[in-house]
Amino acid sequence: FGLPSILAIVFGAQGRKLAEQLESAGQRESGRGRAT
């Protein structure tokens, strides 16, 4: 039903947003690559 794809896209968007916050706080390992 395309559900895993939808979950990957939603979590990817959330992960990129969290990565931006972590990078602005100075954390080096933000997970941006995994999210993308």
Full PDB file with SEQRES, HELIX, SHEET, SSBOND, CRYST1, ORIGX, SCALE, CONECT and MASTER records, all heavy atoms in Angstrom:
SEQRES   1 A   36  PHE GLY LEU PRO SER ILE LEU ALA ILE VAL PHE GLY ALA          
SEQRES   2 A   36  GLN GLY ARG LYS LEU ALA GLU GLN LEU GLU SER ALA GLY          
SEQRES   3 A   36  GLN ARG GLU SER GLY ARG GLY ARG ALA THR                      
HELIX    1 AA1 LEU A    3  SER A   24  1                                  22    
HELIX    2 AA2 ARG A   32  ALA A   35  1                                   4    
CRYST1    1.000    1.000    1.000  90.00  90.00  90.00 P 1           1          
ORIGX1      1.000000  0.000000  0.000000        0.00000                         
ORIGX2      0.000000  1.000000  0.000000        0.00000                         
ORIGX3      0.000000  0.000000  1.000000        0.00000                         
SCALE1      1.000000  0.000000  0.000000        0.00000                         
SCALE2      0.000000  1.000000  0.000000        0.00000                         
SCALE3      0.000000  0.000000  1.000000        0.00000                         
ATOM      1  N   PHE A   1       0.814  -1.226   0.000  1.00  0.00           N  
ATOM      2  CA  PHE A   1       0.000   0.000   0.000  1.00  0.00           C  
ATOM      3  C   PHE A   1       0.847   1.276   0.000  1.00  0.00           C  
ATOM      4  O   PHE A   1       0.334   2.343   0.298  1.00  0.00           O  
ATOM      5  CB  PHE A   1      -0.970   0.032   1.199  1.00  0.00           C  
ATOM      6  CG  PHE A   1      -1.789  -1.213   1.309  1.00  0.00           C  
ATOM      7  CD1 PHE A   1      -1.576  -2.108   2.332  1.00  0.00           C  
ATOM      8  CD2 PHE A   1      -2.773  -1.499   0.370  1.00  0.00           C  
ATOM      9  CE1 PHE A   1      -2.330  -3.275   2.430  1.00  0.00           C  
ATOM     10  CE2 PHE A   1      -3.521  -2.657   0.460  1.00  0.00           C  
ATOM     11  CZ  PHE A   1      -3.307  -3.552   1.489  1.00  0.00           C  
ATOM     12  N   GLY A   2       2.119   1.170  -0.291  1.00  0.00           N  
ATOM     13  CA  GLY A   2       2.994   2.341  -0.318  1.00  0.00           C  
ATOM     14  C   GLY A   2       3.282   2.916   1.061  1.00  0.00           C  
ATOM     15  O   GLY A   2       3.878   3.993   1.182  1.00  0.00           O  
ATOM     16  N   LEU A   3       2.870   2.203   2.109  1.00  0.00           N  
ATOM     17  CA  LEU A   3       3.016   2.712   3.472  1.00  0.00           C  
ATOM     18  C   LEU A   3       4.472   2.906   3.894  1.00  0.00           C  
ATOM     19  O   LEU A   3       4.810   3.970   4.445  1.00  0.00           O  
ATOM     20  CB  LEU A   3       2.273   1.811   4.460  1.00  0.00           C  
ATOM     21  CG  LEU A   3       2.206   2.293   5.895  1.00  0.00           C  
ATOM     22  CD1 LEU A   3       1.467   3.626   5.973  1.00  0.00           C  
ATOM     23  CD2 LEU A   3       1.528   1.274   6.766  1.00  0.00           C  
ATOM     24  N   PRO A   4       5.385   1.954   3.657  1.00  0.00           N  
ATOM     25  CA  PRO A   4       6.782   2.195   4.038  1.00  0.00           C  
ATOM     26  C   PRO A   4       7.383   3.424   3.350  1.00  0.00           C  
ATOM     27  O   PRO A   4       8.165   4.154   3.941  1.00  0.00           O  
ATOM     28  CB  PRO A   4       7.506   0.913   3.625  1.00  0.00           C  
ATOM     29  CG  PRO A   4       6.453  -0.137   3.679  1.00  0.00           C  
ATOM     30  CD  PRO A   4       5.203   0.563   3.222  1.00  0.00           C  
ATOM     31  N   SER A   5       6.999   3.666   2.090  1.00  0.00           N  
ATOM     32  CA  SER A   5       7.494   4.851   1.383  1.00  0.00           C  
ATOM     33  C   SER A   5       6.999   6.126   2.052  1.00  0.00           C  
ATOM     34  O   SER A   5       7.764   7.083   2.234  1.00  0.00           O  
ATOM     35  CB  SER A   5       7.022   4.849  -0.073  1.00  0.00           C  
ATOM     36  OG  SER A   5       7.543   3.755  -0.756  1.00  0.00           O  
ATOM     37  N   ILE A   6       5.736   6.130   2.419  1.00  0.00           N  
ATOM     38  CA  ILE A   6       5.163   7.320   3.078  1.00  0.00           C  
ATOM     39  C   ILE A   6       5.863   7.559   4.412  1.00  0.00           C  
ATOM     40  O   ILE A   6       6.234   8.693   4.734  1.00  0.00           O  
ATOM     41  CB  ILE A   6       3.642   7.145   3.264  1.00  0.00           C  
ATOM     42  CG1 ILE A   6       2.943   7.124   1.900  1.00  0.00           C  
ATOM     43  CG2 ILE A   6       3.071   8.252   4.159  1.00  0.00           C  
ATOM     44  CD1 ILE A   6       1.510   6.679   1.950  1.00  0.00           C  
ATOM     45  N   LEU A   7       6.076   6.486   5.178  1.00  0.00           N  
ATOM     46  CA  LEU A   7       6.769   6.628   6.462  1.00  0.00           C  
ATOM     47  C   LEU A   7       8.197   7.135   6.267  1.00  0.00           C  
ATOM     48  O   LEU A   7       8.673   7.996   7.020  1.00  0.00           O  
ATOM     49  CB  LEU A   7       6.776   5.305   7.218  1.00  0.00           C  
ATOM     50  CG  LEU A   7       5.426   4.845   7.773  1.00  0.00           C  
ATOM     51  CD1 LEU A   7       5.516   3.432   8.310  1.00  0.00           C  
ATOM     52  CD2 LEU A   7       4.946   5.797   8.837  1.00  0.00           C  
ATOM     53  N   ALA A   8       8.897   6.619   5.253  1.00  0.00           N  
ATOM     54  CA  ALA A   8      10.269   7.068   4.985  1.00  0.00           C  
ATOM     55  C   ALA A   8      10.290   8.554   4.636  1.00  0.00           C  
ATOM     56  O   ALA A   8      11.158   9.303   5.098  1.00  0.00           O  
ATOM     57  CB  ALA A   8      10.880   6.245   3.859  1.00  0.00           C  
ATOM     58  N   ILE A   9       9.334   9.004   3.846  1.00  0.00           N  
ATOM     59  CA  ILE A   9       9.287  10.411   3.441  1.00  0.00           C  
ATOM     60  C   ILE A   9       8.971  11.309   4.643  1.00  0.00           C  
ATOM     61  O   ILE A   9       9.619  12.337   4.858  1.00  0.00           O  
ATOM     62  CB  ILE A   9       8.270  10.611   2.297  1.00  0.00           C  
ATOM     63  CG1 ILE A   9       8.786   9.906   1.030  1.00  0.00           C  
ATOM     64  CG2 ILE A   9       8.012  12.085   2.038  1.00  0.00           C  
ATOM     65  CD1 ILE A   9       7.756   9.766  -0.074  1.00  0.00           C  
ATOM     66  N   VAL A  10       8.004  10.899   5.460  1.00  0.00           N  
ATOM     67  CA  VAL A  10       7.631  11.703   6.633  1.00  0.00           C  
ATOM     68  C   VAL A  10       8.787  11.768   7.627  1.00  0.00           C  
ATOM     69  O   VAL A  10       9.169  12.852   8.090  1.00  0.00           O  
ATOM     70  CB  VAL A  10       6.354  11.130   7.300  1.00  0.00           C  
ATOM     71  CG1 VAL A  10       6.110  11.754   8.662  1.00  0.00           C  
ATOM     72  CG2 VAL A  10       5.149  11.341   6.401  1.00  0.00           C  
ATOM     73  N   PHE A  11       9.378  10.602   7.962  1.00  0.00           N  
ATOM     74  CA  PHE A  11      10.497  10.591   8.907  1.00  0.00           C  
ATOM     75  C   PHE A  11      11.718  11.310   8.324  1.00  0.00           C  
ATOM     76  O   PHE A  11      12.485  11.932   9.057  1.00  0.00           O  
ATOM     77  CB  PHE A  11      10.864   9.166   9.327  1.00  0.00           C  
ATOM     78  CG  PHE A  11       9.912   8.561  10.314  1.00  0.00           C  
ATOM     79  CD1 PHE A  11       9.362   7.307  10.090  1.00  0.00           C  
ATOM     80  CD2 PHE A  11       9.571   9.230  11.478  1.00  0.00           C  
ATOM     81  CE1 PHE A  11       8.491   6.741  11.005  1.00  0.00           C  
ATOM     82  CE2 PHE A  11       8.706   8.673  12.408  1.00  0.00           C  
ATOM     83  CZ  PHE A  11       8.159   7.424  12.165  1.00  0.00           C  
ATOM     84  N   GLY A  12      11.910  11.222   7.013  1.00  0.00           N  
ATOM     85  CA  GLY A  12      13.020  11.935   6.382  1.00  0.00           C  
ATOM     86  C   GLY A  12      12.875  13.442   6.533  1.00  0.00           C  
ATOM     87  O   GLY A  12      13.851  14.143   6.826  1.00  0.00           O  
ATOM     88  N   ALA A  13      11.657  13.940   6.338  1.00  0.00           N  
ATOM     89  CA  ALA A  13      11.418  15.384   6.503  1.00  0.00           C  
ATOM     90  C   ALA A  13      11.625  15.799   7.962  1.00  0.00           C  
ATOM     91  O   ALA A  13      12.258  16.831   8.247  1.00  0.00           O  
ATOM     92  CB  ALA A  13      10.001  15.733   6.046  1.00  0.00           C  
ATOM     93  N   GLN A  14      11.118  14.983   8.900  1.00  0.00           N  
ATOM     94  CA  GLN A  14      11.324  15.285  10.318  1.00  0.00           C  
ATOM     95  C   GLN A  14      12.805  15.225  10.691  1.00  0.00           C  
ATOM     96  O   GLN A  14      13.298  16.061  11.441  1.00  0.00           O  
ATOM     97  CB  GLN A  14      10.550  14.292  11.195  1.00  0.00           C  
ATOM     98  CG  GLN A  14       9.064  14.461  11.163  1.00  0.00           C  
ATOM     99  CD  GLN A  14       8.347  13.380  11.973  1.00  0.00           C  
ATOM    100  OE1 GLN A  14       8.955  12.384  12.386  1.00  0.00           O  
ATOM    101  NE2 GLN A  14       7.053  13.560  12.183  1.00  0.00           N  
ATOM    102  N   GLY A  15      13.511  14.237  10.151  1.00  0.00           N  
ATOM    103  CA  GLY A  15      14.932  14.090  10.445  1.00  0.00           C  
ATOM    104  C   GLY A  15      15.752  15.253   9.916  1.00  0.00           C  
ATOM    105  O   GLY A  15      16.687  15.720  10.563  1.00  0.00           O  
ATOM    106  N   ARG A  16      15.415  15.764   8.731  1.00  0.00           N  
ATOM    107  CA  ARG A  16      16.135  16.923   8.186  1.00  0.00           C  
ATOM    108  C   ARG A  16      15.871  18.171   9.020  1.00  0.00           C  
ATOM    109  O   ARG A  16      16.777  18.969   9.257  1.00  0.00           O  
ATOM    110  CB  ARG A  16      15.764  17.152   6.726  1.00  0.00           C  
ATOM    111  CG  ARG A  16      16.429  16.132   5.811  1.00  0.00           C  
ATOM    112  CD  ARG A  16      16.222  16.430   4.345  1.00  0.00           C  
ATOM    113  NE  ARG A  16      16.589  17.768   3.965  1.00  0.00           N  
ATOM    114  CZ  ARG A  16      17.811  18.154   3.583  1.00  0.00           C  
ATOM    115  NH1 ARG A  16      18.785  17.268   3.558  1.00  0.00           N  
ATOM    116  NH2 ARG A  16      18.048  19.388   3.213  1.00  0.00           N  
ATOM    117  N   LYS A  17      14.637  18.325   9.489  1.00  0.00           N  
ATOM    118  CA  LYS A  17      14.314  19.483  10.333  1.00  0.00           C  
ATOM    119  C   LYS A  17      15.083  19.411  11.655  1.00  0.00           C  
ATOM    120  O   LYS A  17      15.663  20.401  12.105  1.00  0.00           O  
ATOM    121  CB  LYS A  17      12.807  19.535  10.600  1.00  0.00           C  
ATOM    122  CG  LYS A  17      12.363  20.737  11.387  1.00  0.00           C  
ATOM    123  CD  LYS A  17      10.854  20.772  11.545  1.00  0.00           C  
ATOM    124  CE  LYS A  17      10.425  21.982  12.328  1.00  0.00           C  
ATOM    125  NZ  LYS A  17       8.987  22.030  12.534  1.00  0.00           N  
ATOM    126  N   LEU A  18      15.125  18.234  12.274  1.00  0.00           N  
ATOM    127  CA  LEU A  18      15.869  18.050  13.517  1.00  0.00           C  
ATOM    128  C   LEU A  18      17.372  18.240  13.285  1.00  0.00           C  
ATOM    129  O   LEU A  18      18.070  18.808  14.122  1.00  0.00           O  
ATOM    130  CB  LEU A  18      15.593  16.669  14.117  1.00  0.00           C  
ATOM    131  CG  LEU A  18      16.288  16.340  15.433  1.00  0.00           C  
ATOM    132  CD1 LEU A  18      15.932  17.360  16.516  1.00  0.00           C  
ATOM    133  CD2 LEU A  18      15.924  14.942  15.891  1.00  0.00           C  
ATOM    134  N   ALA A  19      17.872  17.795  12.118  1.00  0.00           N  
ATOM    135  CA  ALA A  19      19.291  17.964  11.796  1.00  0.00           C  
ATOM    136  C   ALA A  19      19.652  19.456  11.730  1.00  0.00           C  
ATOM    137  O   ALA A  19      20.719  19.860  12.201  1.00  0.00           O  
ATOM    138  CB  ALA A  19      19.616  17.277  10.474  1.00  0.00           C  
ATOM    139  N   GLU A  20      18.780  20.265  11.167  1.00  0.00           N  
ATOM    140  CA  GLU A  20      19.028  21.714  11.120  1.00  0.00           C  
ATOM    141  C   GLU A  20      19.122  22.288  12.528  1.00  0.00           C  
ATOM    142  O   GLU A  20      19.994  23.108  12.818  1.00  0.00           O  
ATOM    143  CB  GLU A  20      17.920  22.428  10.343  1.00  0.00           C  
ATOM    144  CG  GLU A  20      17.970  22.214   8.862  1.00  0.00           C  
ATOM    145  CD  GLU A  20      16.825  22.900   8.147  1.00  0.00           C  
ATOM    146  OE1 GLU A  20      16.219  23.838   8.724  1.00  0.00           O  
ATOM    147  OE2 GLU A  20      16.516  22.495   7.010  1.00  0.00           O  
ATOM    148  N   GLN A  21      18.217  21.857  13.404  1.00  0.00           N  
ATOM    149  CA  GLN A  21      18.237  22.350  14.784  1.00  0.00           C  
ATOM    150  C   GLN A  21      19.518  21.906  15.504  1.00  0.00           C  
ATOM    151  O   GLN A  21      20.122  22.688  16.232  1.00  0.00           O  
ATOM    152  CB  GLN A  21      17.006  21.848  15.545  1.00  0.00           C  
ATOM    153  CG  GLN A  21      15.705  22.413  15.042  1.00  0.00           C  
ATOM    154  CD  GLN A  21      14.497  21.721  15.662  1.00  0.00           C  
ATOM    155  OE1 GLN A  21      14.623  20.738  16.366  1.00  0.00           O  
ATOM    156  NE2 GLN A  21      13.315  22.257  15.384  1.00  0.00           N  
ATOM    157  N   LEU A  22      19.922  20.665  15.302  1.00  0.00           N  
ATOM    158  CA  LEU A  22      21.133  20.159  15.950  1.00  0.00           C  
ATOM    159  C   LEU A  22      22.378  20.878  15.430  1.00  0.00           C  
ATOM    160  O   LEU A  22      23.278  21.196  16.198  1.00  0.00           O  
ATOM    161  CB  LEU A  22      21.265  18.652  15.739  1.00  0.00           C  
ATOM    162  CG  LEU A  22      20.208  17.781  16.411  1.00  0.00           C  
ATOM    163  CD1 LEU A  22      20.380  16.322  16.013  1.00  0.00           C  
ATOM    164  CD2 LEU A  22      20.254  17.940  17.913  1.00  0.00           C  
ATOM    165  N   GLU A  23      22.421  21.134  14.134  1.00  0.00           N  
ATOM    166  CA  GLU A  23      23.570  21.837  13.566  1.00  0.00           C  
ATOM    167  C   GLU A  23      23.639  23.276  14.053  1.00  0.00           C  
ATOM    168  O   GLU A  23      24.715  23.803  14.326  1.00  0.00           O  
ATOM    169  CB  GLU A  23      23.519  21.799  12.042  1.00  0.00           C  
ATOM    170  CG  GLU A  23      23.849  20.435  11.482  1.00  0.00           C  
ATOM    171  CD  GLU A  23      23.569  20.322  10.001  1.00  0.00           C  
ATOM    172  OE1 GLU A  23      23.078  21.292   9.394  1.00  0.00           O  
ATOM    173  OE2 GLU A  23      23.836  19.245   9.437  1.00  0.00           O  
ATOM    174  N   SER A  24      22.479  23.923  14.199  1.00  0.00           N  
ATOM    175  CA  SER A  24      22.490  25.305  14.706  1.00  0.00           C  
ATOM    176  C   SER A  24      22.885  25.352  16.178  1.00  0.00           C  
ATOM    177  O   SER A  24      23.387  26.368  16.657  1.00  0.00           O  
ATOM    178  CB  SER A  24      21.125  25.969  14.498  1.00  0.00           C  
ATOM    179  OG  SER A  24      20.147  25.350  15.306  1.00  0.00           O  
ATOM    180  N   ALA A  25      22.695  24.233  16.900  1.00  0.00           N  
ATOM    181  CA  ALA A  25      23.118  24.155  18.300  1.00  0.00           C  
ATOM    182  C   ALA A  25      24.584  23.761  18.425  1.00  0.00           C  
ATOM    183  O   ALA A  25      25.108  23.692  19.525  1.00  0.00           O  
ATOM    184  CB  ALA A  25      22.245  23.158  19.059  1.00  0.00           C  
ATOM    185  N   GLY A  26      25.246  23.484  17.289  1.00  0.00           N  
ATOM    186  CA  GLY A  26      26.668  23.173  17.318  1.00  0.00           C  
ATOM    187  C   GLY A  26      27.011  21.699  17.364  1.00  0.00           C  
ATOM    188  O   GLY A  26      28.167  21.346  17.513  1.00  0.00           O  
ATOM    189  N   GLN A  27      26.026  20.825  17.224  1.00  0.00           N  
ATOM    190  CA  GLN A  27      26.313  19.388  17.258  1.00  0.00           C  
ATOM    191  C   GLN A  27      26.797  18.951  15.879  1.00  0.00           C  
ATOM    192  O   GLN A  27      26.163  19.243  14.874  1.00  0.00           O  
ATOM    193  CB  GLN A  27      25.072  18.603  17.661  1.00  0.00           C  
ATOM    194  CG  GLN A  27      25.344  17.126  17.835  1.00  0.00           C  
ATOM    195  CD  GLN A  27      24.193  16.403  18.482  1.00  0.00           C  
ATOM    196  OE1 GLN A  27      23.481  16.993  19.292  1.00  0.00           O  
ATOM    197  NE2 GLN A  27      23.996  15.157  18.140  1.00  0.00           N  
ATOM    198  N   ARG A  28      27.920  18.260  15.847  1.00  0.00           N  
ATOM    199  CA  ARG A  28      28.531  17.874  14.571  1.00  0.00           C  
ATOM    200  C   ARG A  28      27.792  16.722  13.907  1.00  0.00           C  
ATOM    201  O   ARG A  28      27.571  16.734  12.709  1.00  0.00           O  
ATOM    202  CB  ARG A  28      29.987  17.506  14.789  1.00  0.00           C  
ATOM    203  CG  ARG A  28      30.823  18.702  15.190  1.00  0.00           C  
ATOM    204  CD  ARG A  28      32.234  18.348  15.453  1.00  0.00           C  
ATOM    205  NE  ARG A  28      32.797  17.657  14.297  1.00  0.00           N  
ATOM    206  CZ  ARG A  28      34.003  17.164  14.258  1.00  0.00           C  
ATOM    207  NH1 ARG A  28      34.782  17.275  15.298  1.00  0.00           N  
ATOM    208  NH2 ARG A  28      34.449  16.548  13.184  1.00  0.00           N  
ATOM    209  N   GLU A  29      27.423  15.712  14.658  1.00  0.00           N  
ATOM    210  CA  GLU A  29      26.732  14.545  14.105  1.00  0.00           C  
ATOM    211  C   GLU A  29      25.226  14.798  14.164  1.00  0.00           C  
ATOM    212  O   GLU A  29      24.575  14.473  15.142  1.00  0.00           O  
ATOM    213  CB  GLU A  29      27.092  13.286  14.887  1.00  0.00           C  
ATOM    214  CG  GLU A  29      28.547  12.901  14.819  1.00  0.00           C  
ATOM    215  CD  GLU A  29      28.953  12.468  13.419  1.00  0.00           C  
ATOM    216  OE1 GLU A  29      28.131  11.865  12.716  1.00  0.00           O  
ATOM    217  OE2 GLU A  29      30.096  12.756  13.029  1.00  0.00           O  
ATOM    218  N   SER A  30      24.679  15.386  13.097  1.00  0.00           N  
ATOM    219  CA  SER A  30      23.271  15.767  13.136  1.00  0.00           C  
ATOM    220  C   SER A  30      22.349  14.737  12.504  1.00  0.00           C  
ATOM    221  O   SER A  30      21.147  14.783  12.717  1.00  0.00           O  
ATOM    222  CB  SER A  30      23.074  17.107  12.426  1.00  0.00           C  
ATOM    223  OG  SER A  30      23.376  16.985  11.046  1.00  0.00           O  
ATOM    224  N   GLY A  31      22.875  13.818  11.701  1.00  0.00           N  
ATOM    225  CA  GLY A  31      22.037  12.826  11.043  1.00  0.00           C  
ATOM    226  C   GLY A  31      21.429  13.316   9.744  1.00  0.00           C  
ATOM    227  O   GLY A  31      20.523  12.686   9.204  1.00  0.00           O  
ATOM    228  N   ARG A  32      21.922  14.441   9.222  1.00  0.00           N  
ATOM    229  CA  ARG A  32      21.370  14.992   7.983  1.00  0.00           C  
ATOM    230  C   ARG A  32      21.520  13.990   6.824  1.00  0.00           C  
ATOM    231  O   ARG A  32      20.605  13.839   6.015  1.00  0.00           O  
ATOM    232  CB  ARG A  32      22.043  16.308   7.629  1.00  0.00           C  
ATOM    233  CG  ARG A  32      21.524  16.911   6.326  1.00  0.00           C  
ATOM    234  CD  ARG A  32      22.238  18.193   5.966  1.00  0.00           C  
ATOM    235  NE  ARG A  32      21.993  19.245   6.922  1.00  0.00           N  
ATOM    236  CZ  ARG A  32      20.936  20.045   6.893  1.00  0.00           C  
ATOM    237  NH1 ARG A  32      20.030  19.894   5.959  1.00  0.00           N  
ATOM    238  NH2 ARG A  32      20.789  20.994   7.788  1.00  0.00           N  
ATOM    239  N   GLY A  33      22.648  13.315   6.743  1.00  0.00           N  
ATOM    240  CA  GLY A  33      22.866  12.356   5.651  1.00  0.00           C  
ATOM    241  C   GLY A  33      21.889  11.203   5.701  1.00  0.00           C  
ATOM    242  O   GLY A  33      21.338  10.791   4.670  1.00  0.00           O  
ATOM    243  N   ARG A  34      21.652  10.665   6.905  1.00  0.00           N  
ATOM    244  CA  ARG A  34      20.680   9.566   7.045  1.00  0.00           C  
ATOM    245  C   ARG A  34      19.280  10.033   6.675  1.00  0.00           C  
ATOM    246  O   ARG A  34      18.539   9.312   6.010  1.00  0.00           O  
ATOM    247  CB  ARG A  34      20.673   9.043   8.475  1.00  0.00           C  
ATOM    248  CG  ARG A  34      21.759   8.045   8.760  1.00  0.00           C  
ATOM    249  CD  ARG A  34      21.732   7.598  10.187  1.00  0.00           C  
ATOM    250  NE  ARG A  34      22.215   8.727  10.985  1.00  0.00           N  
ATOM    251  CZ  ARG A  34      21.836   9.016  12.201  1.00  0.00           C  
ATOM    252  NH1 ARG A  34      20.963   8.262  12.815  1.00  0.00           N  
ATOM    253  NH2 ARG A  34      22.325  10.057  12.843  1.00  0.00           N  
ATOM    254  N   ALA A  35      18.926  11.250   7.124  1.00  0.00           N  
ATOM    255  CA  ALA A  35      17.586  11.772   6.829  1.00  0.00           C  
ATOM    256  C   ALA A  35      17.401  11.982   5.337  1.00  0.00           C  
ATOM    257  O   ALA A  35      16.367  11.617   4.768  1.00  0.00           O  
ATOM    258  CB  ALA A  35      17.363  13.077   7.579  1.00  0.00           C  
ATOM    259  N   THR A  36      18.413  12.558   4.687  1.00  0.00           N  
ATOM    260  CA  THR A  36      18.324  12.792   3.246  1.00  0.00           C  
ATOM    261  C   THR A  36      18.282  11.469   2.490  1.00  0.00           C  
ATOM    262  O   THR A  36      17.489  11.306   1.558  1.00  0.00           O  
ATOM    263  CB  THR A  36      19.516  13.641   2.774  1.00  0.00           C  
ATOM    264  OG1 THR A  36      19.531  14.858   3.517  1.00  0.00           O  
ATOM    265  CG2 THR A  36      19.420  13.958   1.298  1.00  0.00           C  
TER     266      THR A  36                                                      
MASTER        0    0    0    2    0    0    0    6  265    1    0    3          
END                                                                             
